Amino acid sequence: MSTTFTIDTSTSRATPTPAPMKRLTIPAIQGRKGGEPIVMLTAYTARMAQLLDPHCDMLLVGDSLGQVIYGLPSTLPVTLDMMCAHGAAVVRGSYHSVVIIDMPFGSYEASPEQAFASASRIMAETGAAGVKLEGGEAMAPTVAFLSARGIPVCGHVGLTPQAVNALGGYGARGRSNAEHAKILSDARAIDAAGAFAMVVEGVMESLANAIVAEVGCPVIGIGASAECDGQVLVTEDMLGLFERTPRFVKTYGDMAGRISAAVADYAGEVRSRAFPGDAQVYRPKA
């Protein structure tokens, strides 16, 4: 069910005031299976969270921040420190959305115990509602371990960016019968382990539809199918901040062009001494 609210940022830009507001919950997201589609976008900063929050049901603090914010070549170098810092900022900047934080590469794969130590740190330091981790059947025991200890887990199957070296690239998954069957089995395992939702990324449409039909938790697609229970994109891709985006991205603006034009106007006014003008300088009162 959609909620309308306003945010007053006149007194504090970092902590918007809900009027009135109650944050969505994990059970509310679970209840959206087969219902109103879940709107999810990535957020890495408090200000972006403020702008996205009124329109989204979930905000994902993705390890994609490695590329988007830090200019890294992949998500692999992202650390727990990075995820905690950005996750806390997004929680502070939002009041409505369920905030989920990616567990970075190397912080959970070794054992369920390692995963719990990492996830509990994320939850304690950020105030987020849950974590997201990549992987299929091999990670099902970890999902079950975390879920049994009160940590909500969003799964992630299909194209898993942290495994890009093993996968051999970012191409669509599920083209062969064998890969289709493997990913479907992965999704079933993560669902059975207790994931409250799962992201299905970069798979053939028919495979995404099969996953939606077979698992009990909401399926959030990215490069998957319109039949998914929700959709997620990297916000900066969706806003047109990058010249190159994956095939599955639809751009809803040209923010790169608008920023470039604004900066060009500023640079021109500085060089011509048109800025600052009378309205931007301090003078004695008459």
C-alpha atoms as a PDB file:
ATOM      1  CA  MET A   1       0.000   0.000   0.000  1.00  0.00           C
ATOM      2  CA  SER A   2       1.425   3.363  -1.019  1.00  0.00           C
ATOM      3  CA  THR A   3       2.061   6.020   1.635  1.00  0.00           C
ATOM      4  CA  THR A   4       2.175   9.776   1.073  1.00  0.00           C
ATOM      5  CA  PHE A   5       4.266  11.944   3.371  1.00  0.00           C
ATOM      6  CA  THR A   6       6.377  15.041   3.409  1.00  0.00           C
ATOM      7  CA  ILE A   7       9.854  15.754   4.702  1.00  0.00           C
ATOM      8  CA  ASP A   8      10.855  19.016   6.337  1.00  0.00           C
ATOM      9  CA  THR A   9      14.550  19.638   5.692  1.00  0.00           C
ATOM     10  CA  SER A  10      14.524  23.293   6.714  1.00  0.00           C
ATOM     11  CA  THR A  11      16.242  22.710  10.054  1.00  0.00           C
ATOM     12  CA  SER A  12      18.513  19.730   9.448  1.00  0.00           C
ATOM     13  CA  ARG A  13      19.633  18.390   6.119  1.00  0.00           C
ATOM     14  CA  ALA A  14      20.935  15.142   7.577  1.00  0.00           C
ATOM     15  CA  THR A  15      17.848  14.166   9.583  1.00  0.00           C
ATOM     16  CA  PRO A  16      14.560  14.757   7.757  1.00  0.00           C
ATOM     17  CA  THR A  17      11.447  15.007   9.923  1.00  0.00           C
ATOM     18  CA  PRO A  18       8.573  12.659   9.022  1.00  0.00           C
ATOM     19  CA  ALA A  19       5.123  14.213   8.984  1.00  0.00           C
ATOM     20  CA  PRO A  20       3.871  11.646   9.963  1.00  0.00           C
ATOM     21  CA  MET A  21       5.860   8.527   9.090  1.00  0.00           C
ATOM     22  CA  LYS A  22       6.394   4.931  10.067  1.00  0.00           C
ATOM     23  CA  ARG A  23       9.125   2.881   8.426  1.00  0.00           C
ATOM     24  CA  LEU A  24       8.109  -0.193   6.461  1.00  0.00           C
ATOM     25  CA  THR A  25       9.092  -3.546   7.960  1.00  0.00           C
ATOM     26  CA  ILE A  26      10.505  -6.840   6.743  1.00  0.00           C
ATOM     27  CA  PRO A  27       7.117  -8.594   7.235  1.00  0.00           C
ATOM     28  CA  ALA A  28       5.484  -5.840   5.162  1.00  0.00           C
ATOM     29  CA  ILE A  29       7.921  -6.556   2.328  1.00  0.00           C
ATOM     30  CA  GLN A  30       7.301 -10.296   2.625  1.00  0.00           C
ATOM     31  CA  GLY A  31       3.579  -9.613   2.368  1.00  0.00           C
ATOM     32  CA  ARG A  32       4.049  -7.991  -1.048  1.00  0.00           C
ATOM     33  CA  LYS A  33       4.616 -11.385  -2.740  1.00  0.00           C
ATOM     34  CA  GLY A  34       2.284 -11.421  -5.691  1.00  0.00           C
ATOM     35  CA  GLY A  35       0.900  -7.997  -4.787  1.00  0.00           C
ATOM     36  CA  GLU A  36       1.876  -4.389  -5.433  1.00  0.00           C
ATOM     37  CA  PRO A  37       5.385  -4.398  -6.943  1.00  0.00           C
ATOM     38  CA  ILE A  38       8.232  -3.441  -4.622  1.00  0.00           C
ATOM     39  CA  VAL A  39      10.179  -0.330  -5.625  1.00  0.00           C
ATOM     40  CA  MET A  40      13.865  -0.566  -4.759  1.00  0.00           C
ATOM     41  CA  LEU A  41      16.854   1.623  -5.624  1.00  0.00           C
ATOM     42  CA  THR A  42      20.428   1.902  -4.417  1.00  0.00           C
ATOM     43  CA  ALA A  43      21.512   4.683  -2.074  1.00  0.00           C
ATOM     44  CA  TYR A  44      24.940   5.456  -0.656  1.00  0.00           C
ATOM     45  CA  THR A  45      24.533   8.885   0.993  1.00  0.00           C
ATOM     46  CA  ALA A  46      22.114  10.587   3.368  1.00  0.00           C
ATOM     47  CA  ARG A  47      21.056  13.205   0.830  1.00  0.00           C
ATOM     48  CA  MET A  48      20.294  10.683  -1.890  1.00  0.00           C
ATOM     49  CA  ALA A  49      18.357   8.624   0.653  1.00  0.00           C
ATOM     50  CA  GLN A  50      16.262  11.693   1.459  1.00  0.00           C
ATOM     51  CA  LEU A  51      15.374  12.149  -2.200  1.00  0.00           C
ATOM     52  CA  LEU A  52      14.593   8.493  -2.884  1.00  0.00           C
ATOM     53  CA  ASP A  53      12.842   7.590   0.359  1.00  0.00           C
ATOM     54  CA  PRO A  54       9.364   9.011  -0.413  1.00  0.00           C
ATOM     55  CA  HIS A  55       9.155   6.932  -3.593  1.00  0.00           C
ATOM     56  CA  CYS A  56      10.761   3.639  -2.585  1.00  0.00           C
ATOM     57  CA  ASP A  57       9.827   0.647  -0.455  1.00  0.00           C
ATOM     58  CA  MET A  58      13.425  -0.529  -0.079  1.00  0.00           C
ATOM     59  CA  LEU A  59      16.805   1.174  -0.287  1.00  0.00           C
ATOM     60  CA  LEU A  60      19.809  -1.009  -1.014  1.00  0.00           C
ATOM     61  CA  VAL A  61      23.215   0.141   0.143  1.00  0.00           C
ATOM     62  CA  GLY A  62      24.909  -1.913  -2.534  1.00  0.00           C
ATOM     63  CA  ASP A  63      28.534  -2.872  -2.771  1.00  0.00           C
ATOM     64  CA  SER A  64      28.218  -1.229  -6.196  1.00  0.00           C
ATOM     65  CA  LEU A  65      29.317   1.854  -4.240  1.00  0.00           C
ATOM     66  CA  GLY A  66      32.828   0.593  -4.933  1.00  0.00           C
ATOM     67  CA  GLN A  67      32.407   1.521  -8.587  1.00  0.00           C
ATOM     68  CA  VAL A  68      29.848   4.336  -8.289  1.00  0.00           C
ATOM     69  CA  ILE A  69      31.402   6.268  -5.372  1.00  0.00           C
ATOM     70  CA  TYR A  70      35.030   5.138  -5.234  1.00  0.00           C
ATOM     71  CA  GLY A  71      35.806   4.468  -8.897  1.00  0.00           C
ATOM     72  CA  LEU A  72      36.988   0.925  -8.236  1.00  0.00           C
ATOM     73  CA  PRO A  73      37.072  -1.580 -11.129  1.00  0.00           C
ATOM     74  CA  SER A  74      34.700  -4.018  -9.395  1.00  0.00           C
ATOM     75  CA  THR A  75      32.900  -4.648  -6.121  1.00  0.00           C
ATOM     76  CA  LEU A  76      35.620  -6.977  -4.847  1.00  0.00           C
ATOM     77  CA  PRO A  77      37.768  -4.384  -2.978  1.00  0.00           C
ATOM     78  CA  VAL A  78      34.792  -3.025  -0.986  1.00  0.00           C
ATOM     79  CA  THR A  79      35.209  -3.382   2.786  1.00  0.00           C
ATOM     80  CA  LEU A  80      32.932  -3.736   5.791  1.00  0.00           C
ATOM     81  CA  ASP A  81      34.070  -0.298   6.942  1.00  0.00           C
ATOM     82  CA  MET A  82      32.783   1.213   3.689  1.00  0.00           C
ATOM     83  CA  MET A  83      29.447  -0.597   3.915  1.00  0.00           C
ATOM     84  CA  CYS A  84      28.916   0.404   7.539  1.00  0.00           C
ATOM     85  CA  ALA A  85      29.758   4.067   6.941  1.00  0.00           C
ATOM     86  CA  HIS A  86      27.491   4.427   3.926  1.00  0.00           C
ATOM     87  CA  GLY A  87      24.779   2.243   5.431  1.00  0.00           C
ATOM     88  CA  ALA A  88      24.556   4.422   8.531  1.00  0.00           C
ATOM     89  CA  ALA A  89      24.273   7.530   6.348  1.00  0.00           C
ATOM     90  CA  VAL A  90      21.395   6.045   4.345  1.00  0.00           C
ATOM     91  CA  VAL A  91      19.530   5.000   7.482  1.00  0.00           C
ATOM     92  CA  ARG A  92      19.905   8.522   8.876  1.00  0.00           C
ATOM     93  CA  GLY A  93      18.585   9.982   5.635  1.00  0.00           C
ATOM     94  CA  SER A  94      15.453   7.834   5.412  1.00  0.00           C
ATOM     95  CA  TYR A  95      12.261   7.279   7.374  1.00  0.00           C
ATOM     96  CA  HIS A  96      10.042   5.184   5.139  1.00  0.00           C
ATOM     97  CA  SER A  97      12.053   2.568   3.258  1.00  0.00           C
ATOM     98  CA  VAL A  98      13.421  -0.737   4.501  1.00  0.00           C
ATOM     99  CA  VAL A  99      17.206  -0.316   4.298  1.00  0.00           C
ATOM    100  CA  ILE A 100      19.239  -3.379   3.316  1.00  0.00           C
ATOM    101  CA  ILE A 101      23.036  -3.476   3.195  1.00  0.00           C
ATOM    102  CA  ASP A 102      25.222  -5.668   1.001  1.00  0.00           C
ATOM    103  CA  MET A 103      27.730  -7.873   2.734  1.00  0.00           C
ATOM    104  CA  PRO A 104      31.010  -7.316   0.878  1.00  0.00           C
ATOM    105  CA  PHE A 105      33.157  -9.996  -0.709  1.00  0.00           C
ATOM    106  CA  GLY A 106      35.155 -11.966   1.844  1.00  0.00           C
ATOM    107  CA  SER A 107      33.005 -10.986   4.825  1.00  0.00           C
ATOM    108  CA  TYR A 108      30.681 -14.016   4.897  1.00  0.00           C
ATOM    109  CA  GLU A 109      31.807 -16.863   2.638  1.00  0.00           C
ATOM    110  CA  ALA A 110      34.181 -18.654   5.036  1.00  0.00           C
ATOM    111  CA  SER A 111      31.544 -19.860   7.492  1.00  0.00           C
ATOM    112  CA  PRO A 112      28.136 -19.040   8.957  1.00  0.00           C
ATOM    113  CA  GLU A 113      29.939 -17.801  12.053  1.00  0.00           C
ATOM    114  CA  GLN A 114      32.005 -15.356  10.021  1.00  0.00           C
ATOM    115  CA  ALA A 115      28.838 -14.200   8.307  1.00  0.00           C
ATOM    116  CA  PHE A 116      27.114 -13.639  11.651  1.00  0.00           C
ATOM    117  CA  ALA A 117      30.029 -11.588  12.976  1.00  0.00           C
ATOM    118  CA  SER A 118      29.972  -9.390   9.865  1.00  0.00           C
ATOM    119  CA  ALA A 119      26.185  -9.089   9.677  1.00  0.00           C
ATOM    120  CA  SER A 120      25.776  -8.310  13.366  1.00  0.00           C
ATOM    121  CA  ARG A 121      28.364  -5.543  13.052  1.00  0.00           C
ATOM    122  CA  ILE A 122      26.514  -4.088  10.057  1.00  0.00           C
ATOM    123  CA  MET A 123      23.182  -4.185  11.881  1.00  0.00           C
ATOM    124  CA  ALA A 124      24.568  -2.702  15.099  1.00  0.00           C
ATOM    125  CA  GLU A 125      26.536   0.120  13.453  1.00  0.00           C
ATOM    126  CA  THR A 126      23.972   1.188  10.876  1.00  0.00           C
ATOM    127  CA  GLY A 127      20.489   0.467  12.198  1.00  0.00           C
ATOM    128  CA  ALA A 128      19.590  -1.238   8.909  1.00  0.00           C
ATOM    129  CA  ALA A 129      16.752  -3.748   8.687  1.00  0.00           C
ATOM    130  CA  GLY A 130      18.765  -6.546   7.123  1.00  0.00           C
ATOM    131  CA  VAL A 131      21.633  -7.655   4.931  1.00  0.00           C
ATOM    132  CA  LYS A 132      22.002  -9.021   1.408  1.00  0.00           C
ATOM    133  CA  LEU A 133      24.420 -11.719   0.359  1.00  0.00           C
ATOM    134  CA  GLU A 134      25.185 -13.403  -2.940  1.00  0.00           C
ATOM    135  CA  GLY A 135      25.142 -17.105  -3.701  1.00  0.00           C
ATOM    136  CA  GLY A 136      22.894 -20.110  -4.117  1.00  0.00           C
ATOM    137  CA  GLU A 137      22.822 -23.587  -2.601  1.00  0.00           C
ATOM    138  CA  ALA A 138      26.290 -23.248  -1.085  1.00  0.00           C
ATOM    139  CA  MET A 139      25.147 -20.200   0.904  1.00  0.00           C
ATOM    140  CA  ALA A 140      21.811 -21.659   2.051  1.00  0.00           C
ATOM    141  CA  PRO A 141      23.195 -22.875   5.411  1.00  0.00           C
ATOM    142  CA  THR A 142      24.536 -19.360   6.058  1.00  0.00           C
ATOM    143  CA  VAL A 143      21.170 -17.791   5.227  1.00  0.00           C
ATOM    144  CA  ALA A 144      19.487 -20.228   7.630  1.00  0.00           C
ATOM    145  CA  PHE A 145      22.102 -19.542  10.334  1.00  0.00           C
ATOM    146  CA  LEU A 146      21.596 -15.778  10.130  1.00  0.00           C
ATOM    147  CA  SER A 147      17.814 -15.957   9.864  1.00  0.00           C
ATOM    148  CA  ALA A 148      17.605 -18.199  12.945  1.00  0.00           C
ATOM    149  CA  ARG A 149      19.563 -15.568  14.885  1.00  0.00           C
ATOM    150  CA  GLY A 150      17.332 -12.641  14.028  1.00  0.00           C
ATOM    151  CA  ILE A 151      19.163 -11.207  11.020  1.00  0.00           C
ATOM    152  CA  PRO A 152      16.860 -10.800   8.000  1.00  0.00           C
ATOM    153  CA  VAL A 153      18.601 -11.882   4.807  1.00  0.00           C
ATOM    154  CA  CYS A 154      17.898 -10.918   1.220  1.00  0.00           C
ATOM    155  CA  GLY A 155      19.389 -13.458  -1.172  1.00  0.00           C
ATOM    156  CA  HIS A 156      20.943 -12.766  -4.571  1.00  0.00           C
ATOM    157  CA  VAL A 157      21.111 -15.346  -7.372  1.00  0.00           C
ATOM    158  CA  GLY A 158      21.747 -15.397 -11.101  1.00  0.00           C
ATOM    159  CA  LEU A 159      24.435 -12.960 -12.145  1.00  0.00           C
ATOM    160  CA  THR A 160      26.352 -12.423  -8.899  1.00  0.00           C
ATOM    161  CA  PRO A 161      28.914  -9.605  -9.364  1.00  0.00           C
ATOM    162  CA  GLN A 162      31.171 -10.785  -6.547  1.00  0.00           C
ATOM    163  CA  ALA A 163      31.692 -14.030  -8.505  1.00  0.00           C
ATOM    164  CA  VAL A 164      32.330 -12.287 -11.823  1.00  0.00           C
ATOM    165  CA  ASN A 165      35.798 -13.832 -12.161  1.00  0.00           C
ATOM    166  CA  ALA A 166      34.408 -17.340 -11.774  1.00  0.00           C
ATOM    167  CA  LEU A 167      31.451 -16.588 -14.052  1.00  0.00           C
ATOM    168  CA  GLY A 168      33.704 -15.205 -16.768  1.00  0.00           C
ATOM    169  CA  GLY A 169      31.906 -11.891 -17.236  1.00  0.00           C
ATOM    170  CA  TYR A 170      28.623 -10.054 -16.863  1.00  0.00           C
ATOM    171  CA  GLY A 171      26.563 -11.768 -19.578  1.00  0.00           C
ATOM    172  CA  ALA A 172      23.007 -12.984 -18.976  1.00  0.00           C
ATOM    173  CA  ARG A 173      22.711 -16.241 -17.037  1.00  0.00           C
ATOM    174  CA  GLY A 174      20.401 -19.186 -17.618  1.00  0.00           C
ATOM    175  CA  ARG A 175      20.862 -19.552 -21.370  1.00  0.00           C
ATOM    176  CA  SER A 176      21.635 -23.272 -21.244  1.00  0.00           C
ATOM    177  CA  ASN A 177      19.333 -25.901 -19.763  1.00  0.00           C
ATOM    178  CA  ALA A 178      21.985 -26.816 -17.205  1.00  0.00           C
ATOM    179  CA  GLU A 179      22.521 -23.240 -16.053  1.00  0.00           C
ATOM    180  CA  HIS A 180      18.768 -22.625 -15.969  1.00  0.00           C
ATOM    181  CA  ALA A 181      18.309 -25.650 -13.702  1.00  0.00           C
ATOM    182  CA  LYS A 182      21.235 -24.660 -11.458  1.00  0.00           C
ATOM    183  CA  ILE A 183      20.011 -21.117 -10.865  1.00  0.00           C
ATOM    184  CA  LEU A 184      16.454 -22.294 -10.249  1.00  0.00           C
ATOM    185  CA  SER A 185      17.818 -24.771  -7.695  1.00  0.00           C
ATOM    186  CA  ASP A 186      19.843 -21.964  -6.098  1.00  0.00           C
ATOM    187  CA  ALA A 187      16.721 -19.823  -5.754  1.00  0.00           C
ATOM    188  CA  ARG A 188      14.738 -22.665  -4.194  1.00  0.00           C
ATOM    189  CA  ALA A 189      17.532 -23.302  -1.679  1.00  0.00           C
ATOM    190  CA  ILE A 190      17.827 -19.664  -0.626  1.00  0.00           C
ATOM    191  CA  ASP A 191      14.048 -19.424  -0.265  1.00  0.00           C
ATOM    192  CA  ALA A 192      13.869 -22.615   1.814  1.00  0.00           C
ATOM    193  CA  ALA A 193      16.697 -21.340   4.023  1.00  0.00           C
ATOM    194  CA  GLY A 194      14.540 -18.419   5.145  1.00  0.00           C
ATOM    195  CA  ALA A 195      15.478 -15.440   2.986  1.00  0.00           C
ATOM    196  CA  PHE A 196      12.784 -12.759   3.306  1.00  0.00           C
ATOM    197  CA  ALA A 197      13.347 -11.733  -0.332  1.00  0.00           C
ATOM    198  CA  MET A 198      15.815 -12.316  -3.122  1.00  0.00           C
ATOM    199  CA  VAL A 199      17.358 -10.312  -5.921  1.00  0.00           C
ATOM    200  CA  VAL A 200      17.493 -12.128  -9.260  1.00  0.00           C
ATOM    201  CA  GLU A 201      19.975 -10.427 -11.568  1.00  0.00           C
ATOM    202  CA  GLY A 202      20.849 -10.722 -15.223  1.00  0.00           C
ATOM    203  CA  VAL A 203      18.929 -13.883 -16.145  1.00  0.00           C
ATOM    204  CA  MET A 204      16.801 -14.961 -19.075  1.00  0.00           C
ATOM    205  CA  GLU A 205      13.204 -13.772 -18.711  1.00  0.00           C
ATOM    206  CA  SER A 206      11.801 -17.314 -18.726  1.00  0.00           C
ATOM    207  CA  LEU A 207      14.100 -18.272 -15.846  1.00  0.00           C
ATOM    208  CA  ALA A 208      13.066 -15.229 -13.814  1.00  0.00           C
ATOM    209  CA  ASN A 209       9.409 -16.114 -14.338  1.00  0.00           C
ATOM    210  CA  ALA A 210      10.056 -19.683 -13.206  1.00  0.00           C
ATOM    211  CA  ILE A 211      11.755 -18.442 -10.026  1.00  0.00           C
ATOM    212  CA  VAL A 212       8.868 -16.075  -9.263  1.00  0.00           C
ATOM    213  CA  ALA A 213       6.423 -18.961  -9.613  1.00  0.00           C
ATOM    214  CA  GLU A 214       8.378 -21.415  -7.487  1.00  0.00           C
ATOM    215  CA  VAL A 215       9.671 -19.481  -4.477  1.00  0.00           C
ATOM    216  CA  GLY A 216       7.591 -18.170  -1.605  1.00  0.00           C
ATOM    217  CA  CYS A 217       9.524 -14.961  -0.943  1.00  0.00           C
ATOM    218  CA  PRO A 218       9.314 -11.799  -3.054  1.00  0.00           C
ATOM    219  CA  VAL A 219      11.623 -11.786  -6.076  1.00  0.00           C
ATOM    220  CA  ILE A 220      13.189  -8.421  -6.950  1.00  0.00           C
ATOM    221  CA  GLY A 221      14.451  -8.308 -10.496  1.00  0.00           C
ATOM    222  CA  ILE A 222      17.311  -6.462 -12.130  1.00  0.00           C
ATOM    223  CA  GLY A 223      17.683  -7.479 -15.737  1.00  0.00           C
ATOM    224  CA  ALA A 224      15.140 -10.245 -15.163  1.00  0.00           C
ATOM    225  CA  SER A 225      11.390  -9.874 -15.852  1.00  0.00           C
ATOM    226  CA  ALA A 226       8.478  -7.482 -15.386  1.00  0.00           C
ATOM    227  CA  GLU A 227       6.710 -10.379 -13.645  1.00  0.00           C
ATOM    228  CA  CYS A 228       9.044 -10.117 -10.649  1.00  0.00           C
ATOM    229  CA  ASP A 229       7.573  -8.954  -7.342  1.00  0.00           C
ATOM    230  CA  GLY A 230       9.692  -5.804  -7.536  1.00  0.00           C
ATOM    231  CA  GLN A 231      12.515  -4.101  -9.383  1.00  0.00           C
ATOM    232  CA  VAL A 232      15.867  -2.582  -8.408  1.00  0.00           C
ATOM    233  CA  LEU A 233      18.379  -0.470 -10.316  1.00  0.00           C
ATOM    234  CA  VAL A 234      21.543   1.402  -9.446  1.00  0.00           C
ATOM    235  CA  THR A 235      20.209   4.932  -8.977  1.00  0.00           C
ATOM    236  CA  GLU A 236      23.092   6.622 -10.759  1.00  0.00           C
ATOM    237  CA  ASP A 237      22.478   4.422 -13.806  1.00  0.00           C
ATOM    238  CA  MET A 238      18.756   5.168 -13.779  1.00  0.00           C
ATOM    239  CA  LEU A 239      19.368   8.924 -13.510  1.00  0.00           C
ATOM    240  CA  GLY A 240      21.726   8.993 -16.486  1.00  0.00           C
ATOM    241  CA  LEU A 241      24.890   9.900 -14.592  1.00  0.00           C
ATOM    242  CA  PHE A 242      27.019   7.483 -16.593  1.00  0.00           C
ATOM    243  CA  GLU A 243      27.552   7.305 -20.345  1.00  0.00           C
ATOM    244  CA  ARG A 244      27.595   3.497 -20.332  1.00  0.00           C
ATOM    245  CA  THR A 245      25.031   1.351 -18.554  1.00  0.00           C
ATOM    246  CA  PRO A 246      24.020  -2.314 -18.692  1.00  0.00           C
ATOM    247  CA  ARG A 247      21.459  -3.347 -21.306  1.00  0.00           C
ATOM    248  CA  PHE A 248      18.768  -3.832 -18.664  1.00  0.00           C
ATOM    249  CA  VAL A 249      18.930  -0.223 -17.438  1.00  0.00           C
ATOM    250  CA  LYS A 250      16.361   2.342 -18.521  1.00  0.00           C
ATOM    251  CA  THR A 251      17.497   5.921 -17.976  1.00  0.00           C
ATOM    252  CA  TYR A 252      14.873   8.306 -16.611  1.00  0.00           C
ATOM    253  CA  GLY A 253      16.904  11.490 -16.918  1.00  0.00           C
ATOM    254  CA  ASP A 254      20.111  13.085 -18.152  1.00  0.00           C
ATOM    255  CA  MET A 255      21.615  14.166 -14.864  1.00  0.00           C
ATOM    256  CA  ALA A 256      25.146  14.040 -16.266  1.00  0.00           C
ATOM    257  CA  GLY A 257      24.159  16.549 -18.927  1.00  0.00           C
ATOM    258  CA  ARG A 258      22.354  18.801 -16.467  1.00  0.00           C
ATOM    259  CA  ILE A 259      25.280  18.802 -14.034  1.00  0.00           C
ATOM    260  CA  SER A 260      27.745  19.537 -16.828  1.00  0.00           C
ATOM    261  CA  ALA A 261      25.601  22.418 -18.071  1.00  0.00           C
ATOM    262  CA  ALA A 262      25.243  23.891 -14.575  1.00  0.00           C
ATOM    263  CA  VAL A 263      28.984  23.689 -13.939  1.00  0.00           C
ATOM    264  CA  ALA A 264      29.687  25.280 -17.331  1.00  0.00           C
ATOM    265  CA  ASP A 265      27.368  28.183 -16.427  1.00  0.00           C
ATOM    266  CA  TYR A 266      29.126  28.588 -13.074  1.00  0.00           C
ATOM    267  CA  ALA A 267      32.591  28.486 -14.653  1.00  0.00           C
ATOM    268  CA  GLY A 268      31.571  31.099 -17.229  1.00  0.00           C
ATOM    269  CA  GLU A 269      30.210  33.468 -14.577  1.00  0.00           C
ATOM    270  CA  VAL A 270      33.305  33.095 -12.403  1.00  0.00           C
ATOM    271  CA  ARG A 271      35.592  33.877 -15.325  1.00  0.00           C
ATOM    272  CA  SER A 272      33.510  36.885 -16.389  1.00  0.00           C
ATOM    273  CA  ARG A 273      33.211  38.076 -12.754  1.00  0.00           C
ATOM    274  CA  ALA A 274      29.412  37.899 -12.984  1.00  0.00           C
ATOM    275  CA  PHE A 275      29.485  35.654  -9.892  1.00  0.00           C
ATOM    276  CA  PRO A 276      29.251  36.521  -7.092  1.00  0.00           C
ATOM    277  CA  GLY A 277      26.677  39.227  -7.749  1.00  0.00           C
ATOM    278  CA  ASP A 278      24.912  41.677  -5.466  1.00  0.00           C
ATOM    279  CA  ALA A 279      22.738  38.917  -3.981  1.00  0.00           C
ATOM    280  CA  GLN A 280      25.718  36.824  -2.934  1.00  0.00           C
ATOM    281  CA  VAL A 281      27.969  39.378  -1.178  1.00  0.00           C
ATOM    282  CA  TYR A 282      27.775  41.035   2.242  1.00  0.00           C
ATOM    283  CA  ARG A 283      27.570  44.816   2.484  1.00  0.00           C
ATOM    284  CA  PRO A 284      26.749  47.205   5.326  1.00  0.00           C
ATOM    285  CA  LYS A 285      23.042  47.749   5.827  1.00  0.00           C
ATOM    286  CA  ALA A 286      21.827  51.096   4.629  1.00  0.00           C
END
